[in-house]
């Protein structure tokens, strides 16, 4: 076996991947299903409070991403990952007592602490010579967890909210216990830089990647707007029960996972990454617009499938572009920067979505999100092809 491949598929890497899957499984269930339904139906909270809570989650998640290179520089991988997952476990534990809006928001914020470290650590383990394959594998694991979480949660919520909660709590405990098995050394992929120099690198990278910033912020902002309202939109506007909503999520997530590898290879073969971005963003906008019209069940599921394929069209080209901007020897810092920028949209989106839903209804949120993705697609039509290569190339 190739030594690089053997190293990447080592027991340590398999442990990281298993923890990543469990973390994303619980996060998908909590944010995509459990939190909005439990908060509204069991705790009597309003959609704007749910939106603020989801934003609080992304706020702590993003703040940690900003500091991940600094933390991995000074502490062991085990300490950073285990400490973060312990904080997340405390957040999940608090949900059952969060009848007051402030405590619900605090629990969601605490839950956000443990999400970033394991993802960033996995990204730093990707090797240069097999980047596309390994990135594709990581994103497949991420999607499987993030997609399976809400599907399973929605089915279980039809039977018992309490059972669903305790299962999620048990999975959070399992991921924390597994993190105790991580070796205690520091990440060799993170270059040792003083904090001032790391901030200077951050400023320089953001200057060079300015043409990507609108897409990075708006795409996560649009997705964030949908998080607090999707379950209630599916139930109240599309007339779905929990099992049917799970079918909707399965159609979207399943076709995303199935389409990632072939569409990624097609993107590499054709080379026109710009038009994969335009097509992906444009189809997402069109699909969401059609969903906002509140179609029948099977049309909604078909549109969710189209959304999944659209995302699979977009994601490989998007991450191939971002990879060009990652500083060599500073993988943790580089991916931390990009995750931070994308996290800004994740912070703003849920508050905007929850507030807009309380003001104009869930269908309005879906419609405005559709417009946002269409605007991103037209934006990337506007600027020249060479913008995708020249800026990245100047940073090598």
Protein backbone atom coordinates (compact mmCIF):
# COMPACT_ATOMS: atom_id res chain seq x y z
CA UNK A 1 0.00 0.00 0.00
CA UNK A 2 1.16 3.55 -0.75
CA UNK A 3 2.71 4.93 2.50
CA UNK A 4 0.79 8.22 2.21
CA UNK A 5 -2.49 6.37 1.76
CA UNK A 6 -1.62 4.02 4.62
CA UNK A 7 -0.86 6.97 6.88
CA UNK A 8 -4.10 8.73 6.00
CA UNK A 9 -6.15 5.56 6.59
CA UNK A 10 -4.33 4.84 9.85
CA UNK A 11 -6.25 3.89 13.03
CA UNK A 12 -5.78 7.47 14.26
CA UNK A 13 -7.40 8.90 11.12
CA UNK A 14 -10.22 6.37 11.30
CA UNK A 15 -10.83 7.49 14.89
CA UNK A 16 -11.00 11.13 13.76
CA UNK A 17 -13.46 10.20 11.01
CA UNK A 18 -15.69 8.21 13.39
CA UNK A 19 -15.79 11.14 15.84
CA UNK A 20 -16.53 13.52 12.95
CA UNK A 21 -19.43 11.34 11.81
CA UNK A 22 -20.98 11.16 15.30
CA UNK A 23 -20.52 14.92 15.86
CA UNK A 24 -22.17 15.79 12.54
CA UNK A 25 -24.92 13.19 13.09
CA UNK A 26 -25.90 14.84 16.37
CA UNK A 27 -25.53 18.36 14.93
CA UNK A 28 -27.70 17.52 11.93
CA UNK A 29 -30.38 16.11 14.22
CA UNK A 30 -30.20 18.98 16.72
CA UNK A 31 -30.14 21.93 14.31
CA UNK A 32 -32.15 20.45 11.42
CA UNK A 33 -34.95 18.90 13.41
CA UNK A 34 -34.83 18.53 17.18
CA UNK A 35 -34.06 22.11 18.23
CA UNK A 36 -36.83 23.85 16.22
CA UNK A 37 -39.47 21.19 17.02
CA UNK A 38 -38.52 20.71 20.67
CA UNK A 39 -38.16 24.45 21.24
CA UNK A 40 -41.58 25.31 19.79
CA UNK A 41 -43.70 22.31 20.80
CA UNK A 42 -42.15 21.20 24.10
CA UNK A 43 -40.74 24.45 25.49
CA UNK A 44 -43.25 26.89 23.97
CA UNK A 45 -40.60 29.15 22.44
CA UNK A 46 -41.13 31.30 19.36
CA UNK A 47 -39.34 31.02 16.01
CA UNK A 48 -37.36 34.20 16.59
CA UNK A 49 -35.94 32.70 19.81
CA UNK A 50 -35.08 29.53 17.88
CA UNK A 51 -33.30 31.68 15.30
CA UNK A 52 -31.28 33.51 17.96
CA UNK A 53 -30.34 30.16 19.56
CA UNK A 54 -29.09 28.75 16.25
CA UNK A 55 -27.12 31.94 15.67
CA UNK A 56 -25.60 31.61 19.15
CA UNK A 57 -24.52 28.10 18.19
CA UNK A 58 -22.83 29.33 15.02
CA UNK A 59 -21.30 32.28 16.88
CA UNK A 60 -19.37 30.11 19.32
CA UNK A 61 -18.56 27.67 16.50
CA UNK A 62 -17.14 30.53 14.40
CA UNK A 63 -15.22 32.17 17.24
CA UNK A 64 -13.46 28.89 17.92
CA UNK A 65 -12.65 28.49 14.22
CA UNK A 66 -10.91 31.87 14.36
CA UNK A 67 -8.69 30.61 17.15
CA UNK A 68 -8.19 27.01 16.06
CA UNK A 69 -4.71 27.54 14.61
CA UNK A 70 -3.68 29.32 17.80
CA UNK A 71 -5.13 26.56 20.01
CA UNK A 72 -3.57 23.71 18.03
CA UNK A 73 -0.26 25.55 18.22
CA UNK A 74 -0.30 25.58 22.01
CA UNK A 75 -2.29 22.54 23.09
CA UNK A 76 -2.53 18.90 22.06
CA UNK A 77 -5.12 17.76 19.53
CA UNK A 78 -6.68 15.56 22.21
CA UNK A 79 -7.05 18.48 24.63
CA UNK A 80 -8.65 20.77 22.04
CA UNK A 81 -11.05 18.17 20.63
CA UNK A 82 -11.95 16.62 23.98
CA UNK A 83 -12.45 19.97 25.70
CA UNK A 84 -14.69 21.19 22.90
CA UNK A 85 -16.80 18.03 22.87
CA UNK A 86 -17.21 18.19 26.65
CA UNK A 87 -18.59 21.73 26.33
CA UNK A 88 -20.95 20.53 23.57
CA UNK A 89 -22.12 17.67 25.76
CA UNK A 90 -22.93 20.16 28.51
CA UNK A 91 -24.99 22.16 26.01
CA UNK A 92 -27.01 19.11 24.93
CA UNK A 93 -27.56 18.22 28.61
CA UNK A 94 -28.93 21.72 29.34
CA UNK A 95 -31.58 21.60 26.58
CA UNK A 96 -33.92 19.54 28.76
CA UNK A 97 -33.99 22.33 31.38
CA UNK A 98 -34.10 25.29 28.96
CA UNK A 99 -37.67 26.52 29.45
CA UNK A 100 -36.46 30.14 29.59
CA UNK A 101 -35.33 31.68 26.28
CA UNK A 102 -31.99 32.86 27.72
CA UNK A 103 -31.08 29.38 28.95
CA UNK A 104 -32.11 27.83 25.63
CA UNK A 105 -29.81 30.29 23.83
CA UNK A 106 -26.95 29.64 26.28
CA UNK A 107 -27.31 25.87 25.78
CA UNK A 108 -27.21 26.28 22.00
CA UNK A 109 -24.13 28.50 22.27
CA UNK A 110 -22.38 26.02 24.52
CA UNK A 111 -23.25 23.24 22.09
CA UNK A 112 -21.45 25.16 19.31
CA UNK A 113 -18.09 25.03 21.09
CA UNK A 114 -17.24 21.44 20.24
CA UNK A 115 -18.14 21.32 16.55
CA UNK A 116 -15.16 23.05 14.93
CA UNK A 117 -12.06 21.32 16.34
CA UNK A 118 -12.61 17.82 14.93
CA UNK A 119 -13.48 19.14 11.46
CA UNK A 120 -10.43 21.42 11.28
CA UNK A 121 -8.15 18.66 12.58
CA UNK A 122 -9.44 16.29 9.88
CA UNK A 123 -8.77 18.93 7.22
CA UNK A 124 -5.19 19.37 8.42
CA UNK A 125 -4.60 15.63 7.88
CA UNK A 126 -5.43 15.81 4.15
CA UNK A 127 -2.30 15.11 2.08
CA UNK A 128 -1.32 17.24 -0.90
CA UNK A 129 -0.97 14.42 -3.43
CA UNK A 130 -4.42 12.94 -2.73
CA UNK A 131 -6.30 16.10 -1.79
CA UNK A 132 -9.33 15.63 -4.05
CA UNK A 133 -9.96 12.03 -3.01
CA UNK A 134 -9.47 12.68 0.69
CA UNK A 135 -11.51 15.89 0.69
CA UNK A 136 -14.29 14.06 -1.13
CA UNK A 137 -14.19 11.30 1.47
CA UNK A 138 -14.35 13.80 4.36
CA UNK A 139 -17.25 15.67 2.81
CA UNK A 140 -19.09 12.40 2.20
CA UNK A 141 -18.71 11.50 5.90
CA UNK A 142 -19.82 15.02 6.83
CA UNK A 143 -22.89 14.80 4.59
CA UNK A 144 -23.82 11.32 5.76
CA UNK A 145 -23.79 12.47 9.37
CA UNK A 146 -25.44 15.82 8.74
CA UNK A 147 -28.10 14.23 6.53
CA UNK A 148 -28.83 11.11 8.57
CA UNK A 149 -29.26 13.13 11.78
CA UNK A 150 -32.46 15.02 10.90
CA UNK A 151 -33.90 12.03 9.02
CA UNK A 152 -33.59 9.76 12.07
CA UNK A 153 -34.65 12.55 14.44
CA UNK A 154 -37.84 13.33 12.53
CA UNK A 155 -38.89 9.69 12.46
CA UNK A 156 -38.21 9.30 16.19
CA UNK A 157 -39.95 12.58 17.06
CA UNK A 158 -43.19 11.16 15.66
CA UNK A 159 -43.04 8.59 18.48
CA UNK A 160 -41.26 10.20 21.41
CA UNK A 161 -39.52 13.51 22.02
CA UNK A 162 -37.92 12.15 25.19
CA UNK A 163 -36.49 9.08 23.43
CA UNK A 164 -35.07 11.30 20.67
CA UNK A 165 -33.42 13.60 23.18
CA UNK A 166 -31.79 10.84 25.21
CA UNK A 167 -30.51 9.12 22.08
CA UNK A 168 -28.86 12.38 20.96
CA UNK A 169 -27.40 12.81 24.44
CA UNK A 170 -26.01 9.25 24.33
CA UNK A 171 -24.37 9.88 20.94
CA UNK A 172 -22.83 13.12 22.25
CA UNK A 173 -21.41 11.17 25.21
CA UNK A 174 -20.04 8.52 22.83
CA UNK A 175 -18.20 11.09 20.69
CA UNK A 176 -16.68 12.65 23.82
CA UNK A 177 -15.53 9.28 25.14
CA UNK A 178 -13.97 8.40 21.78
CA UNK A 179 -12.01 11.66 21.84
CA UNK A 180 -10.21 10.39 24.96
CA UNK A 181 -8.50 7.84 22.69
CA UNK A 182 -6.81 10.54 20.56
CA UNK A 183 -3.03 10.67 20.88
CA UNK A 184 -1.76 13.52 23.03
CA UNK A 185 0.69 15.15 20.61
CA UNK A 186 0.28 18.48 18.81
CA UNK A 187 -0.69 18.72 15.16
CA UNK A 188 2.41 18.61 12.98
CA UNK A 189 0.52 20.35 10.17
CA UNK A 190 0.23 23.65 11.97
CA UNK A 191 3.15 26.01 11.51
CA UNK A 192 4.23 27.71 14.73
CA UNK A 193 3.48 31.42 14.30
CA UNK A 194 3.03 34.22 16.87
CA UNK A 195 -0.54 35.49 17.15
CA UNK A 196 0.39 38.82 15.51
CA UNK A 197 1.76 37.02 12.45
CA UNK A 198 -1.34 34.78 12.28
CA UNK A 199 -3.53 37.91 12.23
CA UNK A 200 -1.36 39.37 9.46
CA UNK A 201 -1.82 36.17 7.43
CA UNK A 202 -5.57 36.38 8.05
CA UNK A 203 -5.69 39.93 6.68
CA UNK A 204 -3.61 39.02 3.61
CA UNK A 205 -5.68 35.94 2.79
CA UNK A 206 -8.95 37.83 3.08
CA UNK A 207 -7.62 40.53 0.75
CA UNK A 208 -6.72 38.00 -1.94
CA UNK A 209 -9.94 36.01 -1.65
CA UNK A 210 -12.25 39.06 -1.74
CA UNK A 211 -14.02 37.84 -4.89
CA UNK A 212 -15.05 34.69 -3.05
CA UNK A 213 -16.32 36.48 0.07
CA UNK A 214 -19.88 37.22 -1.17
CA UNK A 215 -20.47 33.58 -2.00
CA UNK A 216 -18.88 32.36 1.25
CA UNK A 217 -21.05 34.58 3.46
CA UNK A 218 -24.32 34.56 1.52
CA UNK A 219 -24.50 30.82 0.88
CA UNK A 220 -24.15 29.97 4.57
CA UNK A 221 -26.43 32.90 5.43
CA UNK A 222 -29.13 31.52 3.13
CA UNK A 223 -28.80 28.02 4.57
CA UNK A 224 -28.86 29.50 8.07
CA UNK A 225 -32.11 31.32 7.35
CA UNK A 226 -33.77 27.98 6.59
CA UNK A 227 -32.60 26.13 9.71
CA UNK A 228 -35.12 27.51 12.25
CA UNK A 229 -38.12 27.35 9.90
CA UNK A 230 -37.74 24.19 7.78
CA UNK A 231 -39.54 21.75 10.11
CA UNK A 232 -42.49 24.10 10.68
CA UNK A 233 -42.57 25.01 6.96
CA UNK A 234 -42.70 21.32 6.02
CA UNK A 235 -45.46 20.62 8.53
CA UNK A 236 -47.55 23.79 8.25
CA UNK A 237 -47.11 24.73 4.57
CA UNK A 238 -46.30 21.46 2.82
CA UNK A 239 -48.56 19.32 5.04
CA UNK A 240 -45.85 16.80 5.95
CA UNK A 241 -45.55 14.66 9.05
CA UNK A 242 -42.18 13.72 10.55
CA UNK A 243 -41.69 10.66 8.36
CA UNK A 244 -42.54 12.55 5.16
CA UNK A 245 -40.17 15.35 6.17
CA UNK A 246 -37.49 12.70 6.64
CA UNK A 247 -38.16 11.55 3.06
CA UNK A 248 -37.66 15.16 1.94
CA UNK A 249 -34.34 15.39 3.78
CA UNK A 250 -33.28 11.96 2.54
CA UNK A 251 -33.94 12.95 -1.07
CA UNK A 252 -31.82 16.07 -0.73
CA UNK A 253 -28.98 14.57 1.30
CA UNK A 254 -28.92 11.27 -0.57
CA UNK A 255 -28.63 12.84 -4.03
CA UNK A 256 -25.98 15.23 -2.71
CA UNK A 257 -23.86 12.31 -1.47
CA UNK A 258 -24.43 10.29 -4.68
CA UNK A 259 -23.61 13.24 -6.93
CA UNK A 260 -20.48 14.54 -5.19
CA UNK A 261 -17.90 12.16 -6.66
CA UNK A 262 -19.14 12.00 -10.31
CA UNK A 263 -19.84 15.74 -10.48
CA UNK A 264 -16.49 16.47 -8.80
CA UNK A 265 -14.71 14.37 -11.43
CA UNK A 266 -16.67 16.12 -14.17
CA UNK A 267 -15.61 19.48 -12.75
CA UNK A 268 -11.96 18.40 -12.74
CA UNK A 269 -12.23 17.03 -16.28
CA UNK A 270 -13.92 20.07 -17.81
CA UNK A 271 -11.99 22.59 -15.74
CA UNK A 272 -14.73 25.24 -15.85
CA UNK A 273 -15.23 25.60 -12.13
CA UNK A 274 -16.82 29.01 -12.48
CA UNK A 275 -19.78 27.60 -14.40
CA UNK A 276 -20.23 24.78 -11.91
CA UNK A 277 -20.62 27.48 -9.25
CA UNK A 278 -23.06 29.46 -11.37
CA UNK A 279 -25.11 26.37 -12.22
CA UNK A 280 -25.11 25.12 -8.63
CA UNK A 281 -26.17 28.42 -7.06
CA UNK A 282 -28.73 29.08 -9.80
CA UNK A 283 -30.41 25.68 -9.46
CA UNK A 284 -30.55 26.02 -5.68
CA UNK A 285 -32.30 29.38 -6.09
CA UNK A 286 -34.78 27.95 -8.63
CA UNK A 287 -35.54 24.90 -6.48
CA UNK A 288 -36.16 26.98 -3.36
CA UNK A 289 -38.41 29.36 -5.31
CA UNK A 290 -40.53 26.40 -6.44
CA UNK A 291 -40.69 25.08 -2.87
CA UNK A 292 -41.89 28.50 -1.69
CA UNK A 293 -44.94 27.99 -3.91
CA UNK A 294 -45.93 25.15 -1.53
CA UNK A 295 -46.21 22.28 -4.06
CA UNK A 296 -47.71 18.83 -3.31
CA UNK A 297 -45.75 16.15 -1.45
CA UNK A 298 -44.05 14.33 -4.31
CA UNK A 299 -43.17 17.54 -6.15
CA UNK A 300 -41.59 18.83 -2.93
CA UNK A 301 -39.52 15.66 -2.57
CA UNK A 302 -38.44 15.91 -6.23
CA UNK A 303 -37.41 19.53 -5.66
CA UNK A 304 -35.42 18.47 -2.58
CA UNK A 305 -33.63 15.95 -4.80
CA UNK A 306 -32.83 18.70 -7.29
CA UNK A 307 -31.50 20.80 -4.41
CA UNK A 308 -29.21 17.93 -3.47
CA UNK A 309 -27.85 17.56 -7.00
CA UNK A 310 -27.39 21.34 -7.20
CA UNK A 311 -25.32 21.31 -4.03
CA UNK A 312 -23.28 18.36 -5.34
CA UNK A 313 -22.60 20.43 -8.48
CA UNK A 314 -21.45 23.38 -6.41
CA UNK A 315 -19.44 21.83 -3.56
CA UNK A 316 -16.46 20.17 -5.34
CA UNK A 317 -15.74 23.26 -7.47
CA UNK A 318 -16.16 25.53 -4.45
CA UNK A 319 -13.74 23.62 -2.25
CA UNK A 320 -11.21 23.20 -5.06
CA UNK A 321 -11.13 26.99 -5.27
CA UNK A 322 -10.76 27.42 -1.52
CA UNK A 323 -7.92 24.87 -1.43
CA UNK A 324 -5.85 27.18 -3.65
CA UNK A 325 -5.87 29.77 -0.87
CA UNK A 326 -4.77 27.50 1.99
CA UNK A 327 -1.23 28.44 3.12
CA UNK A 328 1.21 25.53 2.90
CA UNK A 329 2.32 24.51 6.38
CA UNK A 330 -0.60 26.43 7.91
CA UNK A 331 -3.48 24.09 7.18
CA UNK A 332 -5.24 24.64 10.50
CA UNK A 333 -4.95 28.42 10.17
CA UNK A 334 -6.01 28.42 6.51
CA UNK A 335 -9.10 26.26 6.89
CA UNK A 336 -9.91 28.06 10.13
CA UNK A 337 -9.96 31.36 8.21
CA UNK A 338 -12.30 30.04 5.54
CA UNK A 339 -14.59 28.37 8.06
CA UNK A 340 -14.69 31.63 10.02
CA UNK A 341 -15.76 33.67 6.99
CA UNK A 342 -18.43 31.12 6.10
CA UNK A 343 -19.51 31.09 9.74
CA UNK A 344 -20.43 34.80 9.54
CA UNK A 345 -23.33 33.88 7.29
CA UNK A 346 -24.24 31.04 9.63
CA UNK A 347 -24.45 33.53 12.49
CA UNK A 348 -26.58 36.10 10.67
CA UNK A 349 -28.88 33.70 8.81
CA UNK A 350 -30.83 32.02 11.63
CA UNK A 351 -31.69 35.33 13.33
CA UNK A 352 -32.81 36.78 10.00
CA UNK A 353 -34.80 33.64 9.15
CA UNK A 354 -36.49 33.34 12.54
CA UNK A 355 -37.37 37.05 12.68
CA UNK A 356 -38.63 37.08 9.10
CA UNK A 357 -40.76 33.98 9.76
CA UNK A 358 -42.37 35.62 12.81
CA UNK A 359 -43.06 38.72 10.69
CA UNK A 360 -44.05 37.37 7.26
CA UNK A 361 -44.29 33.59 7.63
CA UNK A 362 -42.10 30.60 6.73
CA UNK A 363 -42.84 30.74 2.98
CA UNK A 364 -41.38 34.26 2.80
CA UNK A 365 -38.11 32.99 4.28
CA UNK A 366 -37.83 30.29 1.60
CA UNK A 367 -38.62 32.84 -1.12
CA UNK A 368 -36.04 35.37 0.10
CA UNK A 369 -33.44 32.62 0.38
CA UNK A 370 -34.17 31.62 -3.23
CA UNK A 371 -33.58 35.21 -4.33
CA UNK A 372 -30.31 35.30 -2.38
CA UNK A 373 -28.93 32.22 -4.14
CA UNK A 374 -30.01 33.57 -7.52
CA UNK A 375 -28.14 36.80 -6.78
CA UNK A 376 -24.98 34.81 -5.94
CA UNK A 377 -25.28 32.94 -9.26
CA UNK A 378 -25.56 36.20 -11.22
CA UNK A 379 -22.65 37.67 -9.25
CA UNK A 380 -20.34 34.87 -10.36
CA UNK A 381 -21.49 35.29 -13.96
CA UNK A 382 -20.45 38.94 -13.74
CA UNK A 383 -16.74 38.73 -13.01
CA UNK A 384 -14.16 37.19 -15.39
CA UNK A 385 -12.93 33.59 -15.51
CA UNK A 386 -9.36 34.61 -14.72
CA UNK A 387 -10.44 35.87 -11.28
CA UNK A 388 -10.67 32.24 -10.21
CA UNK A 389 -7.04 31.52 -10.96
CA UNK A 390 -5.01 34.70 -10.93
CA UNK A 391 -5.53 35.67 -7.29
CA UNK A 392 -4.92 32.17 -6.00
CA UNK A 393 -1.89 31.77 -8.21
CA UNK A 394 -0.35 34.99 -6.95
CA UNK A 395 -0.32 33.54 -3.44
CA UNK A 396 1.75 30.46 -4.14
